[in-house]
């Protein structure tokens, strides 16, 4: 168990640095296209640093907000709270924050950076369609992700993939909006410029590379 936890922590660190490298490549690509590689690289480093910080400290809040999860009322969802608490006692875990998502599809997920700062969310559809034994199995599975630090790896992967997608989209839109003016200048950004072509290829490949890294973890 300790080996698995240590391995997941190492994967999390490697994941962050890997995505920072991808973001820097995107920044370099933007810099090439605007004729200022240094500016693009510095901007990407700043963006990647902020993204990595937010991903580690606030990724659980982002995931819960995106899924429209709300805190599970202790009275209305007493069965769920009791079930989670019982499994946590049995597994030697602190009880995570419990959330509910108003969605008819049966689903559940855990998020957070460690067992002391974790949350578990289940949909109303899951609560309605599963009996106690089935629900216990699903919740136990999610709690195992918390205990093994799988949640840190998965949450970082999702958040950082989103960051790469956002930065790439912004860069492509900038290139589209400013392309005509830059290309006509004749000094830089010419369509035949091999560096500009490399920049465009990097912008196209970056999201695919980020997805591949996410799948690898």
N, C-alpha and C. Protein backbone atom coordinates (compact mmCIF):
# COMPACT_ATOMS: atom_id res chain seq x y z
N UNK A 1 0.82 -1.20 0.00
CA UNK A 1 0.00 0.00 0.00
C UNK A 1 0.86 1.26 0.00
N UNK A 2 1.89 1.27 0.87
CA UNK A 2 2.77 2.44 0.93
C UNK A 2 3.51 2.65 -0.38
N UNK A 3 3.88 1.53 -1.03
CA UNK A 3 4.56 1.64 -2.33
C UNK A 3 3.64 2.26 -3.37
N UNK A 4 2.35 1.88 -3.33
CA UNK A 4 1.38 2.42 -4.28
C UNK A 4 1.18 3.91 -4.06
N UNK A 5 1.07 4.31 -2.79
CA UNK A 5 0.90 5.73 -2.47
C UNK A 5 2.11 6.54 -2.93
N UNK A 6 3.32 6.00 -2.65
CA UNK A 6 4.54 6.70 -3.06
C UNK A 6 4.62 6.81 -4.58
N UNK A 7 4.21 5.74 -5.26
CA UNK A 7 4.23 5.75 -6.73
C UNK A 7 3.27 6.79 -7.28
N UNK A 8 2.09 6.90 -6.68
CA UNK A 8 1.11 7.89 -7.14
C UNK A 8 1.60 9.32 -6.90
N UNK A 9 2.31 9.53 -5.80
CA UNK A 9 2.86 10.86 -5.53
C UNK A 9 3.92 11.21 -6.58
N UNK A 10 4.76 10.22 -6.93
CA UNK A 10 5.78 10.46 -7.95
C UNK A 10 5.14 10.74 -9.31
N UNK A 11 4.07 10.00 -9.61
CA UNK A 11 3.36 10.22 -10.87
C UNK A 11 2.75 11.62 -10.92
N UNK A 12 2.28 12.09 -9.77
CA UNK A 12 1.69 13.43 -9.72
C UNK A 12 2.73 14.50 -10.03
N UNK A 13 3.92 14.35 -9.43
CA UNK A 13 5.00 15.31 -9.69
C UNK A 13 5.41 15.27 -11.16
N UNK A 14 5.57 14.04 -11.69
CA UNK A 14 5.96 13.90 -13.10
C UNK A 14 4.89 14.49 -14.01
N UNK A 15 3.63 14.30 -13.63
CA UNK A 15 2.52 14.82 -14.43
C UNK A 15 2.56 16.34 -14.50
N UNK A 16 2.78 16.97 -13.36
CA UNK A 16 2.83 18.44 -13.32
C UNK A 16 3.95 18.96 -14.21
N UNK A 17 5.15 18.38 -14.07
CA UNK A 17 6.28 18.85 -14.87
C UNK A 17 6.07 18.55 -16.36
N UNK A 18 5.44 17.41 -16.66
CA UNK A 18 5.15 17.08 -18.05
C UNK A 18 4.21 18.08 -18.69
N UNK A 19 3.17 18.45 -17.96
CA UNK A 19 2.22 19.42 -18.50
C UNK A 19 2.83 20.82 -18.58
N UNK A 20 3.70 21.16 -17.64
CA UNK A 20 4.40 22.44 -17.73
C UNK A 20 5.23 22.49 -19.01
N UNK A 21 5.88 21.36 -19.34
CA UNK A 21 6.66 21.29 -20.57
C UNK A 21 5.78 21.50 -21.80
N UNK A 22 4.59 20.88 -21.79
CA UNK A 22 3.67 21.04 -22.92
C UNK A 22 3.21 22.49 -23.03
N UNK A 23 2.90 23.10 -21.89
CA UNK A 23 2.45 24.49 -21.90
C UNK A 23 3.55 25.43 -22.39
N UNK A 24 4.79 25.13 -22.01
CA UNK A 24 5.91 25.95 -22.49
C UNK A 24 6.06 25.81 -24.00
N UNK A 25 5.87 24.59 -24.52
CA UNK A 25 5.91 24.38 -25.97
C UNK A 25 4.85 25.22 -26.68
N UNK A 26 3.66 25.24 -26.08
CA UNK A 26 2.59 26.06 -26.65
C UNK A 26 2.99 27.53 -26.64
N UNK A 27 3.57 27.99 -25.53
CA UNK A 27 4.01 29.38 -25.44
C UNK A 27 5.09 29.70 -26.46
N UNK A 28 6.01 28.77 -26.65
CA UNK A 28 7.05 28.97 -27.66
C UNK A 28 6.44 29.05 -29.06
N UNK A 29 5.42 28.21 -29.29
CA UNK A 29 4.75 28.24 -30.60
C UNK A 29 4.09 29.59 -30.84
N UNK A 30 3.43 30.10 -29.81
CA UNK A 30 2.80 31.43 -29.93
C UNK A 30 3.87 32.49 -30.17
N UNK A 31 4.98 32.37 -29.43
CA UNK A 31 6.06 33.33 -29.61
C UNK A 31 6.62 33.33 -31.02
N UNK A 32 6.76 32.13 -31.59
CA UNK A 32 7.24 32.03 -32.97
C UNK A 32 6.29 32.72 -33.93
N UNK A 33 4.99 32.51 -33.71
CA UNK A 33 3.98 33.07 -34.62
C UNK A 33 3.87 34.59 -34.52
N UNK A 34 4.14 35.13 -33.32
CA UNK A 34 4.05 36.59 -33.18
C UNK A 34 5.41 37.26 -33.32
N UNK A 35 6.43 36.43 -33.54
CA UNK A 35 7.77 36.98 -33.76
C UNK A 35 8.51 37.33 -32.49
N UNK A 36 8.08 36.79 -31.34
CA UNK A 36 8.75 37.06 -30.07
C UNK A 36 8.73 35.79 -29.23
N UNK A 37 9.67 34.90 -29.50
CA UNK A 37 9.71 33.61 -28.80
C UNK A 37 9.92 33.75 -27.30
N UNK A 38 10.74 34.74 -26.90
CA UNK A 38 11.01 34.94 -25.47
C UNK A 38 9.74 35.31 -24.71
N UNK A 39 8.97 36.23 -25.28
CA UNK A 39 7.73 36.66 -24.64
C UNK A 39 6.76 35.49 -24.50
N UNK A 40 6.63 34.71 -25.56
CA UNK A 40 5.72 33.56 -25.53
C UNK A 40 6.13 32.55 -24.48
N UNK A 41 7.43 32.28 -24.38
CA UNK A 41 7.93 31.31 -23.40
C UNK A 41 7.72 31.79 -21.98
N UNK A 42 8.02 33.07 -21.72
CA UNK A 42 7.83 33.63 -20.38
C UNK A 42 6.35 33.59 -19.99
N UNK A 43 5.48 33.98 -20.92
CA UNK A 43 4.04 33.96 -20.65
C UNK A 43 3.57 32.55 -20.34
N UNK A 44 4.08 31.57 -21.09
CA UNK A 44 3.69 30.17 -20.86
C UNK A 44 4.19 29.67 -19.51
N UNK A 45 5.41 30.07 -19.12
CA UNK A 45 5.94 29.66 -17.82
C UNK A 45 5.09 30.22 -16.68
N UNK A 46 4.71 31.49 -16.80
CA UNK A 46 3.86 32.11 -15.78
C UNK A 46 2.51 31.40 -15.73
N UNK A 47 1.92 31.19 -16.90
CA UNK A 47 0.61 30.53 -16.98
C UNK A 47 0.68 29.12 -16.42
N UNK A 48 1.74 28.37 -16.77
CA UNK A 48 1.86 26.99 -16.29
C UNK A 48 2.09 26.93 -14.79
N UNK A 49 2.87 27.90 -14.27
CA UNK A 49 3.09 27.94 -12.82
C UNK A 49 1.81 28.20 -12.06
N UNK A 50 1.03 29.17 -12.53
CA UNK A 50 -0.26 29.47 -11.90
C UNK A 50 -1.21 28.28 -12.01
N UNK A 51 -1.22 27.65 -13.20
CA UNK A 51 -2.09 26.50 -13.41
C UNK A 51 -1.74 25.35 -12.49
N UNK A 52 -0.44 25.06 -12.36
CA UNK A 52 0.00 23.97 -11.49
C UNK A 52 -0.39 24.25 -10.03
N UNK A 53 -0.23 25.51 -9.61
CA UNK A 53 -0.58 25.89 -8.24
C UNK A 53 -2.07 25.71 -8.00
N UNK A 54 -2.87 26.24 -8.92
CA UNK A 54 -4.33 26.14 -8.78
C UNK A 54 -4.78 24.69 -8.87
N UNK A 55 -4.15 23.90 -9.75
CA UNK A 55 -4.53 22.50 -9.92
C UNK A 55 -4.33 21.72 -8.63
N UNK A 56 -3.23 22.00 -7.93
CA UNK A 56 -2.95 21.28 -6.70
C UNK A 56 -3.86 21.72 -5.55
N UNK A 57 -4.03 23.01 -5.39
CA UNK A 57 -4.75 23.52 -4.23
C UNK A 57 -6.26 23.65 -4.43
N UNK A 58 -6.71 23.84 -5.67
CA UNK A 58 -8.12 24.14 -5.90
C UNK A 58 -8.80 23.21 -6.90
N UNK A 59 -8.12 22.14 -7.30
CA UNK A 59 -8.70 21.26 -8.33
C UNK A 59 -9.98 20.60 -7.85
N UNK A 60 -10.08 20.29 -6.55
CA UNK A 60 -11.30 19.67 -6.04
C UNK A 60 -12.48 20.63 -6.14
N UNK A 61 -12.24 21.90 -5.80
CA UNK A 61 -13.31 22.89 -5.90
C UNK A 61 -13.74 23.09 -7.35
N UNK A 62 -12.76 23.06 -8.26
CA UNK A 62 -13.07 23.22 -9.68
C UNK A 62 -13.92 22.05 -10.17
N UNK A 63 -13.52 20.82 -9.80
CA UNK A 63 -14.24 19.63 -10.24
C UNK A 63 -15.67 19.62 -9.71
N UNK A 64 -15.84 19.99 -8.45
CA UNK A 64 -17.17 20.01 -7.85
C UNK A 64 -18.05 21.10 -8.47
N UNK A 65 -17.43 22.23 -8.73
CA UNK A 65 -18.20 23.33 -9.33
C UNK A 65 -18.63 22.99 -10.76
N UNK A 66 -17.72 22.39 -11.52
CA UNK A 66 -18.04 22.03 -12.90
C UNK A 66 -19.14 20.98 -12.97
N UNK A 67 -19.19 20.09 -11.99
CA UNK A 67 -20.22 19.05 -11.98
C UNK A 67 -21.50 19.51 -11.29
N UNK A 68 -21.50 20.75 -10.79
CA UNK A 68 -22.65 21.33 -10.11
C UNK A 68 -23.05 20.53 -8.86
N UNK A 69 -22.03 20.07 -8.16
CA UNK A 69 -22.27 19.32 -6.93
C UNK A 69 -22.58 20.28 -5.78
N UNK A 70 -23.47 19.86 -4.90
CA UNK A 70 -23.83 20.66 -3.72
C UNK A 70 -23.62 19.79 -2.48
N UNK A 71 -23.29 20.40 -1.35
CA UNK A 71 -23.10 19.61 -0.13
C UNK A 71 -24.34 18.78 0.19
N UNK A 72 -24.12 17.52 0.53
CA UNK A 72 -25.23 16.63 0.86
C UNK A 72 -25.76 16.97 2.25
N UNK A 73 -27.02 17.35 2.31
CA UNK A 73 -27.65 17.70 3.59
C UNK A 73 -27.62 16.49 4.53
N UNK A 74 -27.08 16.65 5.76
CA UNK A 74 -26.96 15.52 6.68
C UNK A 74 -28.30 14.86 7.03
N UNK A 75 -29.38 15.63 6.96
CA UNK A 75 -30.70 15.07 7.28
C UNK A 75 -31.31 14.40 6.06
N UNK A 76 -31.34 15.11 4.95
CA UNK A 76 -31.94 14.57 3.73
C UNK A 76 -31.17 13.37 3.20
N UNK A 77 -29.87 13.36 3.40
CA UNK A 77 -29.03 12.26 2.89
C UNK A 77 -28.33 11.54 4.04
N UNK A 78 -29.10 11.26 5.07
CA UNK A 78 -28.56 10.61 6.26
C UNK A 78 -27.96 9.25 5.93
N UNK A 79 -28.65 8.47 5.09
CA UNK A 79 -28.16 7.14 4.73
C UNK A 79 -26.78 7.22 4.07
N UNK A 80 -26.62 8.18 3.18
CA UNK A 80 -25.34 8.34 2.48
C UNK A 80 -24.23 8.73 3.46
N UNK A 81 -24.52 9.67 4.33
CA UNK A 81 -23.51 10.11 5.31
C UNK A 81 -23.12 8.95 6.24
N UNK A 82 -24.10 8.20 6.70
CA UNK A 82 -23.81 7.07 7.58
C UNK A 82 -22.96 6.01 6.88
N UNK A 83 -23.28 5.78 5.61
CA UNK A 83 -22.55 4.78 4.84
C UNK A 83 -21.10 5.21 4.64
N UNK A 84 -20.90 6.46 4.26
CA UNK A 84 -19.55 6.98 4.06
C UNK A 84 -18.75 6.95 5.36
N UNK A 85 -19.39 7.37 6.44
CA UNK A 85 -18.70 7.39 7.74
C UNK A 85 -18.30 5.99 8.18
N UNK A 86 -19.20 5.02 7.99
CA UNK A 86 -18.90 3.65 8.38
C UNK A 86 -17.73 3.07 7.60
N UNK A 87 -17.71 3.31 6.30
CA UNK A 87 -16.61 2.81 5.46
C UNK A 87 -15.29 3.49 5.81
N UNK A 88 -15.35 4.77 6.16
CA UNK A 88 -14.14 5.49 6.53
C UNK A 88 -13.56 4.96 7.84
N UNK A 89 -14.43 4.67 8.78
CA UNK A 89 -13.97 4.09 10.05
C UNK A 89 -13.31 2.75 9.80
N UNK A 90 -13.93 1.93 8.95
CA UNK A 90 -13.39 0.61 8.65
C UNK A 90 -12.05 0.70 7.90
N UNK A 91 -11.92 1.72 7.06
CA UNK A 91 -10.70 1.86 6.27
C UNK A 91 -9.64 2.75 6.88
N UNK A 92 -9.93 3.31 8.06
CA UNK A 92 -8.96 4.18 8.71
C UNK A 92 -8.74 5.49 7.99
N UNK A 93 -9.82 6.04 7.43
CA UNK A 93 -9.74 7.30 6.68
C UNK A 93 -10.54 8.39 7.37
N UNK A 94 -10.09 9.64 7.28
CA UNK A 94 -10.95 10.73 7.73
C UNK A 94 -12.14 10.85 6.78
N UNK A 95 -13.29 11.23 7.31
CA UNK A 95 -14.47 11.32 6.45
C UNK A 95 -14.31 12.48 5.47
N UNK A 96 -14.45 12.20 4.17
CA UNK A 96 -14.37 13.29 3.18
C UNK A 96 -15.65 14.12 3.18
N UNK A 97 -15.60 15.26 2.57
CA UNK A 97 -16.80 16.05 2.36
C UNK A 97 -17.71 15.30 1.38
N UNK A 98 -18.99 15.31 1.66
CA UNK A 98 -19.95 14.54 0.86
C UNK A 98 -20.82 15.50 0.05
N UNK A 99 -20.91 15.23 -1.25
CA UNK A 99 -21.69 16.08 -2.16
C UNK A 99 -22.68 15.25 -2.96
N UNK A 100 -23.70 15.92 -3.44
CA UNK A 100 -24.72 15.29 -4.28
C UNK A 100 -24.86 16.10 -5.56
N UNK A 101 -25.03 15.39 -6.67
CA UNK A 101 -25.23 16.02 -7.97
C UNK A 101 -26.62 15.66 -8.47
N UNK A 102 -27.40 16.65 -8.81
CA UNK A 102 -28.75 16.41 -9.32
C UNK A 102 -28.68 15.95 -10.77
N UNK A 103 -28.55 14.64 -10.94
CA UNK A 103 -28.40 14.05 -12.28
C UNK A 103 -28.99 12.64 -12.24
N UNK A 104 -29.87 12.30 -13.19
CA UNK A 104 -30.49 10.98 -13.18
C UNK A 104 -29.52 9.85 -13.54
N UNK A 105 -28.40 10.18 -14.15
CA UNK A 105 -27.43 9.14 -14.53
C UNK A 105 -26.69 8.65 -13.28
N UNK A 106 -26.56 7.34 -13.10
CA UNK A 106 -25.84 6.81 -11.93
C UNK A 106 -24.34 7.03 -12.06
N UNK A 107 -23.77 7.80 -11.16
CA UNK A 107 -22.34 8.10 -11.26
C UNK A 107 -21.83 8.57 -9.90
N UNK A 108 -20.52 8.50 -9.73
CA UNK A 108 -19.88 8.97 -8.50
C UNK A 108 -18.41 9.23 -8.79
N UNK A 109 -17.82 10.15 -8.04
CA UNK A 109 -16.39 10.38 -8.19
C UNK A 109 -15.83 10.96 -6.90
N UNK A 110 -14.52 10.79 -6.74
CA UNK A 110 -13.81 11.36 -5.60
C UNK A 110 -12.81 12.37 -6.13
N UNK A 111 -12.53 13.39 -5.35
CA UNK A 111 -11.59 14.42 -5.78
C UNK A 111 -10.87 14.98 -4.56
N UNK A 112 -9.76 15.67 -4.80
CA UNK A 112 -8.99 16.24 -3.70
C UNK A 112 -7.51 15.95 -3.86
N UNK A 113 -6.69 16.50 -2.97
CA UNK A 113 -5.25 16.31 -3.09
C UNK A 113 -4.70 15.28 -2.10
N UNK A 114 -5.44 14.96 -1.05
CA UNK A 114 -5.01 13.95 -0.09
C UNK A 114 -6.21 13.55 0.77
N UNK A 115 -6.09 12.48 1.57
CA UNK A 115 -7.23 12.03 2.37
C UNK A 115 -7.80 13.08 3.32
N UNK A 116 -6.98 14.02 3.77
CA UNK A 116 -7.47 15.04 4.69
C UNK A 116 -8.20 16.17 3.97
N UNK A 117 -7.99 16.26 2.67
CA UNK A 117 -8.64 17.30 1.87
C UNK A 117 -9.29 16.66 0.65
N UNK A 118 -10.28 15.84 0.92
CA UNK A 118 -10.93 15.09 -0.15
C UNK A 118 -12.44 15.28 -0.10
N UNK A 119 -13.07 14.95 -1.20
CA UNK A 119 -14.53 15.02 -1.29
C UNK A 119 -15.02 13.88 -2.16
N UNK A 120 -16.21 13.44 -1.90
CA UNK A 120 -16.84 12.40 -2.71
C UNK A 120 -18.21 12.92 -3.14
N UNK A 121 -18.54 12.71 -4.40
CA UNK A 121 -19.82 13.19 -4.93
C UNK A 121 -20.55 12.04 -5.61
N UNK A 122 -21.84 11.96 -5.37
CA UNK A 122 -22.67 10.93 -6.00
C UNK A 122 -23.88 11.63 -6.63
N UNK A 123 -24.39 11.04 -7.68
CA UNK A 123 -25.57 11.62 -8.33
C UNK A 123 -26.85 11.12 -7.67
N UNK A 124 -27.90 11.88 -7.84
CA UNK A 124 -29.20 11.46 -7.31
C UNK A 124 -29.66 10.19 -8.00
N UNK A 125 -29.27 10.03 -9.26
CA UNK A 125 -29.62 8.82 -9.99
C UNK A 125 -29.02 7.58 -9.37
N UNK A 126 -27.78 7.69 -8.89
CA UNK A 126 -27.12 6.57 -8.23
C UNK A 126 -27.83 6.22 -6.94
N UNK A 127 -28.20 7.23 -6.17
CA UNK A 127 -28.88 7.00 -4.90
C UNK A 127 -30.25 6.36 -5.10
N UNK A 128 -30.91 6.71 -6.19
CA UNK A 128 -32.25 6.18 -6.45
C UNK A 128 -32.23 4.76 -7.00
N UNK A 129 -31.21 4.43 -7.78
CA UNK A 129 -31.21 3.15 -8.49
C UNK A 129 -30.49 2.03 -7.75
N UNK A 130 -29.68 2.35 -6.75
CA UNK A 130 -28.90 1.32 -6.08
C UNK A 130 -29.39 1.09 -4.66
N UNK A 131 -29.35 -0.19 -4.25
CA UNK A 131 -29.66 -0.49 -2.86
C UNK A 131 -28.42 -0.23 -2.01
N UNK A 132 -28.54 -0.47 -0.70
CA UNK A 132 -27.45 -0.11 0.21
C UNK A 132 -26.16 -0.87 -0.11
N UNK A 133 -26.28 -2.16 -0.41
CA UNK A 133 -25.09 -2.97 -0.69
C UNK A 133 -24.38 -2.47 -1.94
N UNK A 134 -25.16 -2.20 -2.99
CA UNK A 134 -24.57 -1.71 -4.24
C UNK A 134 -23.93 -0.33 -4.04
N UNK A 135 -24.63 0.53 -3.32
CA UNK A 135 -24.11 1.87 -3.06
C UNK A 135 -22.83 1.80 -2.23
N UNK A 136 -22.81 0.88 -1.29
CA UNK A 136 -21.63 0.70 -0.45
C UNK A 136 -20.43 0.30 -1.29
N UNK A 137 -20.65 -0.55 -2.28
CA UNK A 137 -19.56 -0.97 -3.16
C UNK A 137 -19.00 0.19 -3.98
N UNK A 138 -19.90 1.03 -4.49
CA UNK A 138 -19.47 2.19 -5.28
C UNK A 138 -18.69 3.17 -4.41
N UNK A 139 -19.22 3.48 -3.24
CA UNK A 139 -18.56 4.43 -2.35
C UNK A 139 -17.21 3.89 -1.88
N UNK A 140 -17.16 2.59 -1.58
CA UNK A 140 -15.90 1.98 -1.15
C UNK A 140 -14.84 2.09 -2.25
N UNK A 141 -15.28 1.93 -3.48
CA UNK A 141 -14.35 2.06 -4.62
C UNK A 141 -13.79 3.49 -4.69
N UNK A 142 -14.66 4.48 -4.52
CA UNK A 142 -14.20 5.87 -4.57
C UNK A 142 -13.29 6.19 -3.38
N UNK A 143 -13.60 5.64 -2.22
CA UNK A 143 -12.75 5.87 -1.05
C UNK A 143 -11.36 5.24 -1.24
N UNK A 144 -11.30 4.14 -1.98
CA UNK A 144 -9.99 3.52 -2.25
C UNK A 144 -9.12 4.46 -3.08
N UNK A 145 -9.74 5.22 -3.97
CA UNK A 145 -8.98 6.20 -4.75
C UNK A 145 -8.40 7.27 -3.84
N UNK A 146 -9.18 7.66 -2.82
CA UNK A 146 -8.69 8.66 -1.86
C UNK A 146 -7.52 8.10 -1.06
N UNK A 147 -7.67 6.88 -0.58
CA UNK A 147 -6.64 6.28 0.27
C UNK A 147 -5.33 6.07 -0.48
N UNK A 148 -5.43 5.71 -1.76
CA UNK A 148 -4.23 5.42 -2.55
C UNK A 148 -3.65 6.65 -3.25
N UNK A 149 -4.26 7.82 -3.03
CA UNK A 149 -3.83 9.06 -3.67
C UNK A 149 -4.05 9.04 -5.18
N UNK A 150 -4.91 8.13 -5.66
CA UNK A 150 -5.27 8.15 -7.07
C UNK A 150 -5.97 9.46 -7.43
N UNK A 151 -6.71 10.00 -6.47
CA UNK A 151 -7.48 11.22 -6.74
C UNK A 151 -6.58 12.38 -7.13
N UNK A 152 -5.39 12.45 -6.53
CA UNK A 152 -4.47 13.54 -6.85
C UNK A 152 -4.03 13.46 -8.30
N UNK A 153 -3.67 12.24 -8.72
CA UNK A 153 -3.21 12.04 -10.10
C UNK A 153 -4.33 12.36 -11.08
N UNK A 154 -5.52 11.80 -10.84
CA UNK A 154 -6.63 11.97 -11.77
C UNK A 154 -7.10 13.42 -11.83
N UNK A 155 -7.19 14.06 -10.67
CA UNK A 155 -7.67 15.44 -10.64
C UNK A 155 -6.69 16.38 -11.33
N UNK A 156 -5.39 16.18 -11.07
CA UNK A 156 -4.38 17.00 -11.73
C UNK A 156 -4.43 16.81 -13.25
N UNK A 157 -4.59 15.56 -13.67
CA UNK A 157 -4.62 15.26 -15.10
C UNK A 157 -5.77 16.00 -15.79
N UNK A 158 -6.96 15.91 -15.20
CA UNK A 158 -8.13 16.55 -15.80
C UNK A 158 -7.95 18.07 -15.86
N UNK A 159 -7.50 18.65 -14.76
CA UNK A 159 -7.35 20.11 -14.69
C UNK A 159 -6.29 20.62 -15.66
N UNK A 160 -5.15 19.91 -15.72
CA UNK A 160 -4.06 20.37 -16.57
C UNK A 160 -4.35 20.16 -18.05
N UNK A 161 -5.07 19.09 -18.38
CA UNK A 161 -5.50 18.90 -19.77
C UNK A 161 -6.39 20.07 -20.19
N UNK A 162 -7.27 20.47 -19.29
CA UNK A 162 -8.12 21.63 -19.57
C UNK A 162 -7.31 22.89 -19.78
N UNK A 163 -6.24 23.06 -18.99
CA UNK A 163 -5.39 24.25 -19.13
C UNK A 163 -4.70 24.27 -20.49
N UNK A 164 -4.21 23.12 -20.92
CA UNK A 164 -3.57 23.04 -22.24
C UNK A 164 -4.57 23.37 -23.34
N UNK A 165 -5.78 22.82 -23.21
CA UNK A 165 -6.81 23.07 -24.22
C UNK A 165 -7.17 24.55 -24.29
N UNK A 166 -7.29 25.19 -23.12
CA UNK A 166 -7.64 26.62 -23.08
C UNK A 166 -6.55 27.47 -23.72
N UNK A 167 -5.29 27.21 -23.31
CA UNK A 167 -4.18 28.01 -23.83
C UNK A 167 -4.02 27.81 -25.34
N UNK A 168 -4.18 26.57 -25.80
CA UNK A 168 -4.07 26.29 -27.23
C UNK A 168 -5.18 26.98 -28.01
N UNK A 169 -6.39 26.94 -27.45
CA UNK A 169 -7.52 27.59 -28.12
C UNK A 169 -7.30 29.09 -28.23
N UNK A 170 -6.81 29.70 -27.14
CA UNK A 170 -6.53 31.14 -27.17
C UNK A 170 -5.47 31.46 -28.22
N UNK A 171 -4.43 30.62 -28.26
CA UNK A 171 -3.35 30.85 -29.22
C UNK A 171 -3.83 30.74 -30.66
N UNK A 172 -4.65 29.73 -30.94
CA UNK A 172 -5.17 29.56 -32.30
C UNK A 172 -6.09 30.71 -32.70
N UNK A 173 -6.89 31.18 -31.73
CA UNK A 173 -7.77 32.32 -32.03
C UNK A 173 -6.95 33.59 -32.30
N UNK A 174 -5.89 33.78 -31.51
CA UNK A 174 -5.00 34.94 -31.73
C UNK A 174 -4.38 34.87 -33.12
N UNK A 175 -3.95 33.66 -33.48
CA UNK A 175 -3.34 33.48 -34.80
C UNK A 175 -4.35 33.77 -35.90
N UNK A 176 -5.60 33.34 -35.68
CA UNK A 176 -6.65 33.54 -36.69
C UNK A 176 -6.99 35.03 -36.83
N UNK A 177 -7.14 35.71 -35.68
CA UNK A 177 -7.53 37.12 -35.70
C UNK A 177 -6.42 38.01 -36.26
N UNK A 178 -5.17 37.69 -35.88
CA UNK A 178 -4.05 38.56 -36.26
C UNK A 178 -3.28 38.06 -37.47
N UNK A 179 -3.69 36.92 -37.96
CA UNK A 179 -2.92 36.29 -39.04
C UNK A 179 -2.75 37.16 -40.26
N UNK A 180 -3.83 37.75 -40.73
CA UNK A 180 -3.75 38.54 -41.95
C UNK A 180 -2.77 39.69 -41.82
N UNK A 181 -2.86 40.41 -40.72
CA UNK A 181 -1.98 41.57 -40.54
C UNK A 181 -0.52 41.15 -40.42
N UNK A 182 -0.27 40.07 -39.68
CA UNK A 182 1.11 39.62 -39.49
C UNK A 182 1.70 39.11 -40.79
N UNK A 183 0.90 38.32 -41.54
CA UNK A 183 1.43 37.75 -42.77
C UNK A 183 1.75 38.83 -43.79
N UNK A 184 0.98 39.91 -43.80
CA UNK A 184 1.22 40.95 -44.79
C UNK A 184 2.45 41.79 -44.47
N UNK A 185 2.90 41.69 -43.21
CA UNK A 185 4.03 42.54 -42.82
C UNK A 185 5.29 42.18 -43.58
N UNK A 186 5.42 40.92 -43.96
CA UNK A 186 6.56 40.48 -44.74
C UNK A 186 7.81 40.27 -43.92
N UNK A 187 7.88 40.78 -42.67
CA UNK A 187 9.08 40.60 -41.86
C UNK A 187 9.06 39.30 -41.09
N UNK A 188 7.85 38.90 -40.69
CA UNK A 188 7.75 37.75 -39.80
C UNK A 188 6.41 37.09 -40.03
N UNK A 189 6.30 35.85 -39.58
CA UNK A 189 5.04 35.15 -39.65
C UNK A 189 4.65 34.77 -41.05
N UNK A 190 5.56 34.82 -42.01
CA UNK A 190 5.20 34.43 -43.37
C UNK A 190 4.79 32.97 -43.40
N UNK A 191 3.81 32.66 -44.23
CA UNK A 191 3.29 31.30 -44.28
C UNK A 191 4.38 30.30 -44.68
N UNK A 192 5.36 30.75 -45.43
CA UNK A 192 6.43 29.85 -45.83
C UNK A 192 7.53 29.74 -44.80
N UNK A 193 7.47 30.51 -43.75
CA UNK A 193 8.48 30.47 -42.70
C UNK A 193 8.42 29.12 -42.00
N UNK A 194 9.51 28.34 -42.01
CA UNK A 194 9.47 27.02 -41.37
C UNK A 194 9.20 27.09 -39.88
N UNK A 195 9.68 28.14 -39.21
CA UNK A 195 9.44 28.27 -37.78
C UNK A 195 7.96 28.53 -37.49
N UNK A 196 7.32 29.31 -38.35
CA UNK A 196 5.88 29.54 -38.19
C UNK A 196 5.10 28.25 -38.39
N UNK A 197 5.52 27.46 -39.36
CA UNK A 197 4.85 26.18 -39.60
C UNK A 197 5.03 25.25 -38.41
N UNK A 198 6.24 25.25 -37.84
CA UNK A 198 6.49 24.44 -36.64
C UNK A 198 5.58 24.89 -35.50
N UNK A 199 5.42 26.21 -35.36
CA UNK A 199 4.55 26.73 -34.31
C UNK A 199 3.12 26.27 -34.48
N UNK A 200 2.63 26.29 -35.71
CA UNK A 200 1.25 25.85 -35.97
C UNK A 200 1.10 24.37 -35.64
N UNK A 201 2.10 23.57 -36.05
CA UNK A 201 2.06 22.12 -35.76
C UNK A 201 2.04 21.88 -34.26
N UNK A 202 2.85 22.63 -33.50
CA UNK A 202 2.88 22.48 -32.05
C UNK A 202 1.52 22.79 -31.43
N UNK A 203 0.86 23.81 -31.93
CA UNK A 203 -0.46 24.17 -31.39
C UNK A 203 -1.48 23.07 -31.66
N UNK A 204 -1.34 22.40 -32.79
CA UNK A 204 -2.28 21.32 -33.13
C UNK A 204 -1.98 20.07 -32.32
N UNK A 205 -0.69 19.79 -32.14
CA UNK A 205 -0.27 18.55 -31.47
C UNK A 205 -0.41 18.63 -29.95
N UNK A 206 -0.26 19.82 -29.37
CA UNK A 206 -0.25 19.98 -27.91
C UNK A 206 -1.46 19.36 -27.22
N UNK A 207 -2.71 19.63 -27.65
CA UNK A 207 -3.86 19.01 -26.98
C UNK A 207 -3.86 17.49 -27.09
N UNK A 208 -3.41 16.97 -28.24
CA UNK A 208 -3.34 15.52 -28.41
C UNK A 208 -2.30 14.91 -27.47
N UNK A 209 -1.17 15.60 -27.33
CA UNK A 209 -0.13 15.14 -26.42
C UNK A 209 -0.62 15.16 -24.98
N UNK A 210 -1.35 16.21 -24.62
CA UNK A 210 -1.90 16.31 -23.26
C UNK A 210 -2.88 15.17 -22.98
N UNK A 211 -3.73 14.85 -23.97
CA UNK A 211 -4.68 13.75 -23.81
C UNK A 211 -3.95 12.42 -23.66
N UNK A 212 -2.88 12.24 -24.43
CA UNK A 212 -2.10 11.01 -24.33
C UNK A 212 -1.46 10.87 -22.96
N UNK A 213 -0.98 11.99 -22.41
CA UNK A 213 -0.39 11.96 -21.07
C UNK A 213 -1.45 11.63 -20.03
N UNK A 214 -2.66 12.17 -20.21
CA UNK A 214 -3.75 11.87 -19.28
C UNK A 214 -4.09 10.38 -19.33
N UNK A 215 -4.15 9.81 -20.54
CA UNK A 215 -4.47 8.40 -20.68
C UNK A 215 -3.39 7.51 -20.07
N UNK A 216 -2.14 7.99 -20.11
CA UNK A 216 -1.02 7.20 -19.61
C UNK A 216 -1.05 7.04 -18.10
N UNK A 217 -1.72 7.98 -17.41
CA UNK A 217 -1.78 7.90 -15.95
C UNK A 217 -3.06 7.22 -15.50
